[in-house]
Structure formats: structure tokens, C-alpha cells
Amino acid sequence: SRLFTIGPMFRYERPQKGRMRQFHQVNCECLGSQSPLADA
């Protein structure tokens, strides 16, 4: 399975340049393969 998500995340940490307490991420997950080719 090849899945990606886009959206906000939340961490109570010191706000700084490029990182707020609500921040946004693009995430990708490849599930089901042990092959190093999947990593590459």
C-alpha cells in the first residue's frame, strides 16, 4: 500500500522560525515491502 497525507500536526514546543505549535506536514508511507528498493 502506498499512502500519503497532507495536513496539520500539533506539538507544544517553543515557536521558532519555520516551526509553530500547529505545523503542517506532507507524509508518505509505503507499507508491505522489506526490499531496499522501496527505501531507495
All heavy atoms as atom14 arrays in JSON, in Angstrom:
{
  "sequence": "SRLFTIGPMFRYERPQKGRMRQFHQVNCECLGSQSPLADA",
  "atom14_mask": [
    [1, 1, 1, 1, 1, 1, 0, 0, 0, 0, 0, 0, 0, 0],
    [1, 1, 1, 1, 1, 1, 1, 1, 1, 1, 1, 0, 0, 0],
    [1, 1, 1, 1, 1, 1, 1, 1, 0, 0, 0, 0, 0, 0],
    [1, 1, 1, 1, 1, 1, 1, 1, 1, 1, 1, 0, 0, 0],
    [1, 1, 1, 1, 1, 1, 1, 0, 0, 0, 0, 0, 0, 0],
    [1, 1, 1, 1, 1, 1, 1, 1, 0, 0, 0, 0, 0, 0],
    [1, 1, 1, 1, 0, 0, 0, 0, 0, 0, 0, 0, 0, 0],
    [1, 1, 1, 1, 1, 1, 1, 0, 0, 0, 0, 0, 0, 0],
    [1, 1, 1, 1, 1, 1, 1, 1, 0, 0, 0, 0, 0, 0],
    [1, 1, 1, 1, 1, 1, 1, 1, 1, 1, 1, 0, 0, 0],
    [1, 1, 1, 1, 1, 1, 1, 1, 1, 1, 1, 0, 0, 0],
    [1, 1, 1, 1, 1, 1, 1, 1, 1, 1, 1, 1, 0, 0],
    [1, 1, 1, 1, 1, 1, 1, 1, 1, 0, 0, 0, 0, 0],
    [1, 1, 1, 1, 1, 1, 1, 1, 1, 1, 1, 0, 0, 0],
    [1, 1, 1, 1, 1, 1, 1, 0, 0, 0, 0, 0, 0, 0],
    [1, 1, 1, 1, 1, 1, 1, 1, 1, 0, 0, 0, 0, 0],
    [1, 1, 1, 1, 1, 1, 1, 1, 1, 0, 0, 0, 0, 0],
    [1, 1, 1, 1, 0, 0, 0, 0, 0, 0, 0, 0, 0, 0],
    [1, 1, 1, 1, 1, 1, 1, 1, 1, 1, 1, 0, 0, 0],
    [1, 1, 1, 1, 1, 1, 1, 1, 0, 0, 0, 0, 0, 0],
    [1, 1, 1, 1, 1, 1, 1, 1, 1, 1, 1, 0, 0, 0],
    [1, 1, 1, 1, 1, 1, 1, 1, 1, 0, 0, 0, 0, 0],
    [1, 1, 1, 1, 1, 1, 1, 1, 1, 1, 1, 0, 0, 0],
    [1, 1, 1, 1, 1, 1, 1, 1, 1, 1, 0, 0, 0, 0],
    [1, 1, 1, 1, 1, 1, 1, 1, 1, 0, 0, 0, 0, 0],
    [1, 1, 1, 1, 1, 1, 1, 0, 0, 0, 0, 0, 0, 0],
    [1, 1, 1, 1, 1, 1, 1, 1, 0, 0, 0, 0, 0, 0],
    [1, 1, 1, 1, 1, 1, 0, 0, 0, 0, 0, 0, 0, 0],
    [1, 1, 1, 1, 1, 1, 1, 1, 1, 0, 0, 0, 0, 0],
    [1, 1, 1, 1, 1, 1, 0, 0, 0, 0, 0, 0, 0, 0],
    [1, 1, 1, 1, 1, 1, 1, 1, 0, 0, 0, 0, 0, 0],
    [1, 1, 1, 1, 0, 0, 0, 0, 0, 0, 0, 0, 0, 0],
    [1, 1, 1, 1, 1, 1, 0, 0, 0, 0, 0, 0, 0, 0],
    [1, 1, 1, 1, 1, 1, 1, 1, 1, 0, 0, 0, 0, 0],
    [1, 1, 1, 1, 1, 1, 0, 0, 0, 0, 0, 0, 0, 0],
    [1, 1, 1, 1, 1, 1, 1, 0, 0, 0, 0, 0, 0, 0],
    [1, 1, 1, 1, 1, 1, 1, 1, 0, 0, 0, 0, 0, 0],
    [1, 1, 1, 1, 1, 0, 0, 0, 0, 0, 0, 0, 0, 0],
    [1, 1, 1, 1, 1, 1, 1, 1, 0, 0, 0, 0, 0, 0],
    [1, 1, 1, 1, 1, 0, 0, 0, 0, 0, 0, 0, 0, 0]
  ],
  "atom14_positions": [
    [[0.85, -1.19, 0.0], [0.0, 0.0, 0.0], [0.88, 1.23, 0.0], [1.83, 1.34, 0.79], [-0.91, 0.03, 1.23], [-1.83, -1.03, 1.2], [0.0, 0.0, 0.0], [0.0, 0.0, 0.0], [0.0, 0.0, 0.0], [0.0, 0.0, 0.0], [0.0, 0.0, 0.0], [0.0, 0.0, 0.0], [0.0, 0.0, 0.0], [0.0, 0.0, 0.0]],
    [[0.57, 2.17, -0.88], [1.31, 3.43, -0.98], [0.36, 4.56, -0.66], [-0.56, 4.86, -1.43], [1.9, 3.58, -2.39], [2.97, 2.53, -2.72], [3.38, 2.61, -4.18], [4.53, 1.77, -4.48], [4.47, 0.48, -4.82], [3.28, -0.12, -4.9], [5.57, -0.2, -5.07], [0.0, 0.0, 0.0], [0.0, 0.0, 0.0], [0.0, 0.0, 0.0]],
    [[0.57, 5.21, 0.48], [-0.37, 6.21, 1.0], [0.37, 7.52, 1.31], [1.52, 7.5, 1.75], [-1.02, 5.7, 2.28], [-1.7, 4.32, 2.21], [-2.07, 3.84, 3.61], [-2.93, 4.37, 1.32], [0.0, 0.0, 0.0], [0.0, 0.0, 0.0], [0.0, 0.0, 0.0], [0.0, 0.0, 0.0], [0.0, 0.0, 0.0], [0.0, 0.0, 0.0]],
    [[-0.32, 8.65, 1.09], [0.24, 9.92, 1.54], [-0.86, 10.76, 2.18], [-2.05, 10.6, 1.9], [0.94, 10.68, 0.41], [0.03, 11.35, -0.6], [-0.39, 12.66, -0.44], [-0.37, 10.65, -1.74], [-1.21, 13.27, -1.37], [-1.19, 11.26, -2.69], [-1.61, 12.57, -2.51], [0.0, 0.0, 0.0], [0.0, 0.0, 0.0], [0.0, 0.0, 0.0]],
    [[-0.45, 11.63, 3.09], [-1.36, 12.53, 3.78], [-0.77, 13.94, 3.76], [0.45, 14.12, 3.7], [-1.59, 12.12, 5.25], [-0.34, 12.16, 5.95], [-2.16, 10.72, 5.35], [0.0, 0.0, 0.0], [0.0, 0.0, 0.0], [0.0, 0.0, 0.0], [0.0, 0.0, 0.0], [0.0, 0.0, 0.0], [0.0, 0.0, 0.0], [0.0, 0.0, 0.0]],
    [[-1.64, 14.93, 3.83], [-1.24, 16.33, 3.92], [-2.12, 16.99, 4.98], [-3.35, 16.86, 4.92], [-1.43, 17.06, 2.57], [-0.61, 16.4, 1.46], [-1.04, 18.53, 2.69], [-0.89, 16.96, 0.07], [0.0, 0.0, 0.0], [0.0, 0.0, 0.0], [0.0, 0.0, 0.0], [0.0, 0.0, 0.0], [0.0, 0.0, 0.0], [0.0, 0.0, 0.0]],
    [[-1.51, 17.67, 5.94], [-2.36, 18.34, 6.93], [-1.6, 18.84, 8.14], [-0.38, 18.71, 8.24], [0.0, 0.0, 0.0], [0.0, 0.0, 0.0], [0.0, 0.0, 0.0], [0.0, 0.0, 0.0], [0.0, 0.0, 0.0], [0.0, 0.0, 0.0], [0.0, 0.0, 0.0], [0.0, 0.0, 0.0], [0.0, 0.0, 0.0], [0.0, 0.0, 0.0]],
    [[-2.35, 19.4, 9.12], [-1.73, 19.99, 10.31], [-1.41, 18.96, 11.39], [-2.11, 17.96, 11.56], [-2.8, 20.97, 10.8], [-4.09, 20.36, 10.35], [-3.79, 19.67, 9.05], [0.0, 0.0, 0.0], [0.0, 0.0, 0.0], [0.0, 0.0, 0.0], [0.0, 0.0, 0.0], [0.0, 0.0, 0.0], [0.0, 0.0, 0.0], [0.0, 0.0, 0.0]],
    [[-0.32, 19.22, 12.12], [0.09, 18.47, 13.31], [0.22, 19.47, 14.46], [0.26, 20.68, 14.24], [1.43, 17.76, 13.09], [1.55, 17.0, 11.78], [0.44, 15.6, 11.64], [0.29, 15.5, 9.84], [0.0, 0.0, 0.0], [0.0, 0.0, 0.0], [0.0, 0.0, 0.0], [0.0, 0.0, 0.0], [0.0, 0.0, 0.0], [0.0, 0.0, 0.0]],
    [[0.34, 18.95, 15.7], [0.32, 19.83, 16.86], [1.35, 19.35, 17.89], [1.32, 18.2, 18.32], [-1.07, 19.83, 17.5], [-2.17, 20.19, 16.54], [-2.76, 19.21, 15.74], [-2.6, 21.5, 16.41], [-3.76, 19.54, 14.84], [-3.61, 21.83, 15.51], [-4.19, 20.85, 14.72], [0.0, 0.0, 0.0], [0.0, 0.0, 0.0], [0.0, 0.0, 0.0]],
    [[2.25, 20.26, 18.28], [3.2, 19.96, 19.34], [3.39, 21.2, 20.19], [3.61, 22.31, 19.66], [4.56, 19.5, 18.79], [4.5, 18.17, 18.07], [5.89, 17.67, 17.72], [5.83, 16.52, 16.83], [6.88, 15.85, 16.39], [8.09, 16.24, 16.76], [6.73, 14.82, 15.57], [0.0, 0.0, 0.0], [0.0, 0.0, 0.0], [0.0, 0.0, 0.0]],
    [[3.35, 21.01, 21.52], [3.56, 22.13, 22.43], [5.06, 22.31, 22.63], [5.66, 21.75, 23.54], [2.87, 21.89, 23.77], [2.82, 23.12, 24.64], [1.8, 24.06, 24.48], [3.79, 23.36, 25.6], [1.76, 25.2, 25.26], [3.76, 24.5, 26.39], [2.74, 25.42, 26.21], [2.69, 26.55, 26.98], [0.0, 0.0, 0.0], [0.0, 0.0, 0.0]],
    [[5.68, 23.07, 21.74], [7.1, 23.35, 21.81], [7.32, 24.83, 21.54], [6.39, 25.53, 21.14], [7.88, 22.48, 20.8], [7.38, 22.58, 19.38], [8.02, 21.53, 18.46], [8.83, 20.72, 18.94], [7.71, 21.53, 17.27], [0.0, 0.0, 0.0], [0.0, 0.0, 0.0], [0.0, 0.0, 0.0], [0.0, 0.0, 0.0], [0.0, 0.0, 0.0]],
    [[8.53, 25.29, 21.74], [8.81, 26.72, 21.58], [8.67, 27.11, 20.12], [9.36, 26.57, 19.26], [10.22, 27.04, 22.08], [10.59, 28.52, 22.01], [11.95, 28.77, 22.63], [12.99, 28.03, 21.93], [13.61, 28.47, 20.83], [13.27, 29.65, 20.3], [14.56, 27.75, 20.27], [0.0, 0.0, 0.0], [0.0, 0.0, 0.0], [0.0, 0.0, 0.0]],
    [[7.76, 28.06, 19.8], [7.63, 28.5, 18.4], [8.94, 29.1, 17.91], [9.63, 29.82, 18.65], [6.53, 29.57, 18.46], [5.76, 29.26, 19.71], [6.77, 28.73, 20.68], [0.0, 0.0, 0.0], [0.0, 0.0, 0.0], [0.0, 0.0, 0.0], [0.0, 0.0, 0.0], [0.0, 0.0, 0.0], [0.0, 0.0, 0.0], [0.0, 0.0, 0.0]],
    [[9.31, 28.79, 16.69], [10.55, 29.3, 16.12], [10.38, 29.43, 14.61], [9.34, 29.05, 14.06], [11.72, 28.36, 16.45], [11.48, 26.93, 15.99], [12.57, 25.99, 16.47], [13.7, 26.11, 16.05], [12.22, 25.05, 17.34], [0.0, 0.0, 0.0], [0.0, 0.0, 0.0], [0.0, 0.0, 0.0], [0.0, 0.0, 0.0], [0.0, 0.0, 0.0]],
    [[11.38, 29.97, 13.98], [11.33, 30.17, 12.54], [11.11, 28.85, 11.83], [11.88, 27.91, 11.96], [12.64, 30.81, 12.07], [12.67, 31.19, 10.6], [14.0, 31.83, 10.25], [14.05, 32.25, 8.79], [15.36, 32.83, 8.42], [0.0, 0.0, 0.0], [0.0, 0.0, 0.0], [0.0, 0.0, 0.0], [0.0, 0.0, 0.0], [0.0, 0.0, 0.0]],
    [[10.01, 28.75, 11.1], [9.73, 27.54, 10.34], [9.06, 26.44, 11.13], [8.83, 25.35, 10.61], [0.0, 0.0, 0.0], [0.0, 0.0, 0.0], [0.0, 0.0, 0.0], [0.0, 0.0, 0.0], [0.0, 0.0, 0.0], [0.0, 0.0, 0.0], [0.0, 0.0, 0.0], [0.0, 0.0, 0.0], [0.0, 0.0, 0.0], [0.0, 0.0, 0.0]],
    [[8.7, 26.67, 12.4], [8.05, 25.64, 13.19], [7.15, 26.28, 14.24], [7.61, 26.85, 15.2], [9.08, 24.74, 13.85], [8.5, 23.55, 14.62], [7.77, 22.58, 13.7], [7.45, 21.35, 14.4], [8.04, 20.18, 14.16], [8.95, 20.07, 13.22], [7.68, 19.1, 14.83], [0.0, 0.0, 0.0], [0.0, 0.0, 0.0], [0.0, 0.0, 0.0]],
    [[5.83, 26.16, 14.04], [4.87, 26.66, 15.0], [4.29, 25.48, 15.79], [4.6, 24.32, 15.53], [3.74, 27.41, 14.28], [4.22, 28.57, 13.43], [4.86, 29.92, 14.43], [3.34, 30.7, 14.96], [0.0, 0.0, 0.0], [0.0, 0.0, 0.0], [0.0, 0.0, 0.0], [0.0, 0.0, 0.0], [0.0, 0.0, 0.0], [0.0, 0.0, 0.0]],
    [[3.44, 25.77, 16.76], [2.82, 24.7, 17.54], [1.77, 23.96, 16.72], [1.54, 22.77, 16.95], [2.23, 25.26, 18.83], [3.32, 25.68, 19.8], [2.8, 26.38, 21.04], [3.92, 26.65, 21.96], [3.83, 27.4, 23.04], [2.67, 27.98, 23.36], [4.89, 27.58, 23.81], [0.0, 0.0, 0.0], [0.0, 0.0, 0.0], [0.0, 0.0, 0.0]],
    [[1.11, 24.64, 15.83], [0.38, 23.96, 14.75], [1.24, 24.09, 13.51], [1.51, 25.19, 13.04], [-0.99, 24.56, 14.49], [-1.69, 23.88, 13.31], [-3.06, 24.44, 13.0], [-3.9, 24.54, 13.87], [-3.3, 24.8, 11.76], [0.0, 0.0, 0.0], [0.0, 0.0, 0.0], [0.0, 0.0, 0.0], [0.0, 0.0, 0.0], [0.0, 0.0, 0.0]],
    [[1.7, 22.97, 12.99], [2.53, 22.97, 11.8], [1.96, 21.96, 10.81], [1.1, 21.15, 11.16], [3.99, 22.63, 12.14], [4.17, 21.31, 12.83], [4.56, 20.19, 12.13], [3.96, 21.19, 14.2], [4.72, 18.96, 12.76], [4.12, 19.96, 14.85], [4.51, 18.85, 14.12], [0.0, 0.0, 0.0], [0.0, 0.0, 0.0], [0.0, 0.0, 0.0]],
    [[2.41, 22.04, 9.59], [1.83, 21.22, 8.52], [2.88, 20.3, 7.92], [4.04, 20.68, 7.78], [1.24, 22.13, 7.44], [0.14, 23.01, 7.94], [0.38, 24.15, 8.68], [-1.22, 22.92, 7.83], [-0.77, 24.72, 9.0], [-1.75, 24.0, 8.5], [0.0, 0.0, 0.0], [0.0, 0.0, 0.0], [0.0, 0.0, 0.0], [0.0, 0.0, 0.0]],
    [[2.44, 19.1, 7.58], [3.36, 18.12, 7.02], [2.77, 17.45, 5.79], [1.54, 17.28, 5.68], [3.7, 17.04, 8.05], [4.65, 17.48, 9.13], [5.11, 16.33, 10.01], [4.46, 15.29, 10.08], [6.22, 16.51, 10.71], [0.0, 0.0, 0.0], [0.0, 0.0, 0.0], [0.0, 0.0, 0.0], [0.0, 0.0, 0.0], [0.0, 0.0, 0.0]],
    [[3.66, 17.05, 4.9], [3.35, 16.1, 3.84], [4.0, 14.79, 4.25], [5.19, 14.74, 4.55], [3.94, 16.57, 2.49], [3.72, 15.52, 1.41], [3.33, 17.89, 2.07], [0.0, 0.0, 0.0], [0.0, 0.0, 0.0], [0.0, 0.0, 0.0], [0.0, 0.0, 0.0], [0.0, 0.0, 0.0], [0.0, 0.0, 0.0], [0.0, 0.0, 0.0]],
    [[3.2, 13.72, 4.33], [3.7, 12.41, 4.76], [3.46, 11.36, 3.7], [2.38, 11.34, 3.08], [2.99, 11.96, 6.04], [3.37, 12.8, 7.24], [2.95, 13.94, 7.37], [4.17, 12.23, 8.12], [0.0, 0.0, 0.0], [0.0, 0.0, 0.0], [0.0, 0.0, 0.0], [0.0, 0.0, 0.0], [0.0, 0.0, 0.0], [0.0, 0.0, 0.0]],
    [[4.43, 10.46, 3.5], [4.27, 9.32, 2.59], [4.64, 8.04, 3.32], [5.63, 8.01, 4.07], [5.18, 9.47, 1.37], [4.55, 10.62, 0.15], [0.0, 0.0, 0.0], [0.0, 0.0, 0.0], [0.0, 0.0, 0.0], [0.0, 0.0, 0.0], [0.0, 0.0, 0.0], [0.0, 0.0, 0.0], [0.0, 0.0, 0.0], [0.0, 0.0, 0.0]],
    [[3.88, 6.99, 3.1], [4.13, 5.69, 3.71], [3.99, 4.61, 2.64], [2.98, 4.54, 1.94], [3.14, 5.4, 4.85], [2.74, 6.59, 5.71], [3.83, 7.09, 6.64], [4.83, 6.35, 6.81], [3.7, 8.19, 7.18], [0.0, 0.0, 0.0], [0.0, 0.0, 0.0], [0.0, 0.0, 0.0], [0.0, 0.0, 0.0], [0.0, 0.0, 0.0]],
    [[5.02, 3.75, 2.52], [4.98, 2.58, 1.65], [4.97, 1.35, 2.55], [5.96, 1.07, 3.24], [6.18, 2.56, 0.71], [6.25, 1.11, -0.37], [0.0, 0.0, 0.0], [0.0, 0.0, 0.0], [0.0, 0.0, 0.0], [0.0, 0.0, 0.0], [0.0, 0.0, 0.0], [0.0, 0.0, 0.0], [0.0, 0.0, 0.0], [0.0, 0.0, 0.0]],
    [[3.86, 0.62, 2.57], [3.65, -0.47, 3.52], [3.55, -1.81, 2.81], [2.78, -1.96, 1.86], [2.35, -0.2, 4.31], [2.23, 1.19, 4.94], [0.86, 1.37, 5.58], [3.34, 1.42, 5.95], [0.0, 0.0, 0.0], [0.0, 0.0, 0.0], [0.0, 0.0, 0.0], [0.0, 0.0, 0.0], [0.0, 0.0, 0.0], [0.0, 0.0, 0.0]],
    [[4.35, -2.77, 3.26], [4.24, -4.12, 2.73], [5.49, -4.66, 2.08], [5.52, -5.83, 1.69], [0.0, 0.0, 0.0], [0.0, 0.0, 0.0], [0.0, 0.0, 0.0], [0.0, 0.0, 0.0], [0.0, 0.0, 0.0], [0.0, 0.0, 0.0], [0.0, 0.0, 0.0], [0.0, 0.0, 0.0], [0.0, 0.0, 0.0], [0.0, 0.0, 0.0]],
    [[6.54, -3.86, 1.94], [7.76, -4.32, 1.27], [8.97, -4.16, 2.18], [9.19, -3.09, 2.74], [8.0, -3.55, -0.03], [9.23, -3.95, -0.62], [0.0, 0.0, 0.0], [0.0, 0.0, 0.0], [0.0, 0.0, 0.0], [0.0, 0.0, 0.0], [0.0, 0.0, 0.0], [0.0, 0.0, 0.0], [0.0, 0.0, 0.0], [0.0, 0.0, 0.0]],
    [[9.76, -5.23, 2.29], [11.03, -5.18, 3.01], [12.2, -4.82, 2.11], [13.31, -4.62, 2.58], [11.31, -6.54, 3.66], [10.4, -6.89, 4.82], [10.78, -8.22, 5.45], [11.14, -9.16, 4.74], [10.71, -8.3, 6.77], [0.0, 0.0, 0.0], [0.0, 0.0, 0.0], [0.0, 0.0, 0.0], [0.0, 0.0, 0.0], [0.0, 0.0, 0.0]],
    [[11.95, -4.7, 0.83], [13.03, -4.51, -0.13], [13.73, -3.16, 0.07], [13.08, -2.13, 0.28], [12.49, -4.57, -1.56], [13.47, -4.18, -2.49], [0.0, 0.0, 0.0], [0.0, 0.0, 0.0], [0.0, 0.0, 0.0], [0.0, 0.0, 0.0], [0.0, 0.0, 0.0], [0.0, 0.0, 0.0], [0.0, 0.0, 0.0], [0.0, 0.0, 0.0]],
    [[15.06, -3.16, -0.03], [15.77, -1.87, 0.0], [15.41, -0.99, -1.18], [15.59, 0.24, -1.12], [17.25, -2.28, -0.03], [17.27, -3.66, -0.6], [15.99, -4.31, -0.16], [0.0, 0.0, 0.0], [0.0, 0.0, 0.0], [0.0, 0.0, 0.0], [0.0, 0.0, 0.0], [0.0, 0.0, 0.0], [0.0, 0.0, 0.0], [0.0, 0.0, 0.0]],
    [[14.87, -1.59, -2.25], [14.42, -0.78, -3.39], [13.26, 0.12, -3.0], [13.11, 1.22, -3.54], [14.03, -1.68, -4.56], [15.11, -2.6, -5.12], [14.6, -3.34, -6.34], [16.37, -1.81, -5.48], [0.0, 0.0, 0.0], [0.0, 0.0, 0.0], [0.0, 0.0, 0.0], [0.0, 0.0, 0.0], [0.0, 0.0, 0.0], [0.0, 0.0, 0.0]],
    [[12.42, -0.33, -2.05], [11.32, 0.51, -1.58], [11.87, 1.74, -0.86], [11.36, 2.85, -1.05], [10.41, -0.29, -0.64], [0.0, 0.0, 0.0], [0.0, 0.0, 0.0], [0.0, 0.0, 0.0], [0.0, 0.0, 0.0], [0.0, 0.0, 0.0], [0.0, 0.0, 0.0], [0.0, 0.0, 0.0], [0.0, 0.0, 0.0], [0.0, 0.0, 0.0]],
    [[12.92, 1.55, -0.05], [13.56, 2.68, 0.63], [14.11, 3.67, -0.4], [13.88, 4.88, -0.32], [14.72, 2.21, 1.51], [14.34, 1.17, 2.54], [13.36, 0.44, 2.33], [15.04, 1.07, 3.56], [0.0, 0.0, 0.0], [0.0, 0.0, 0.0], [0.0, 0.0, 0.0], [0.0, 0.0, 0.0], [0.0, 0.0, 0.0], [0.0, 0.0, 0.0]],
    [[14.86, 3.11, -1.39], [15.5, 3.97, -2.39], [14.48, 4.72, -3.22], [14.63, 5.92, -3.48], [16.39, 3.12, -3.29], [0.0, 0.0, 0.0], [0.0, 0.0, 0.0], [0.0, 0.0, 0.0], [0.0, 0.0, 0.0], [0.0, 0.0, 0.0], [0.0, 0.0, 0.0], [0.0, 0.0, 0.0], [0.0, 0.0, 0.0], [0.0, 0.0, 0.0]]
  ]
}
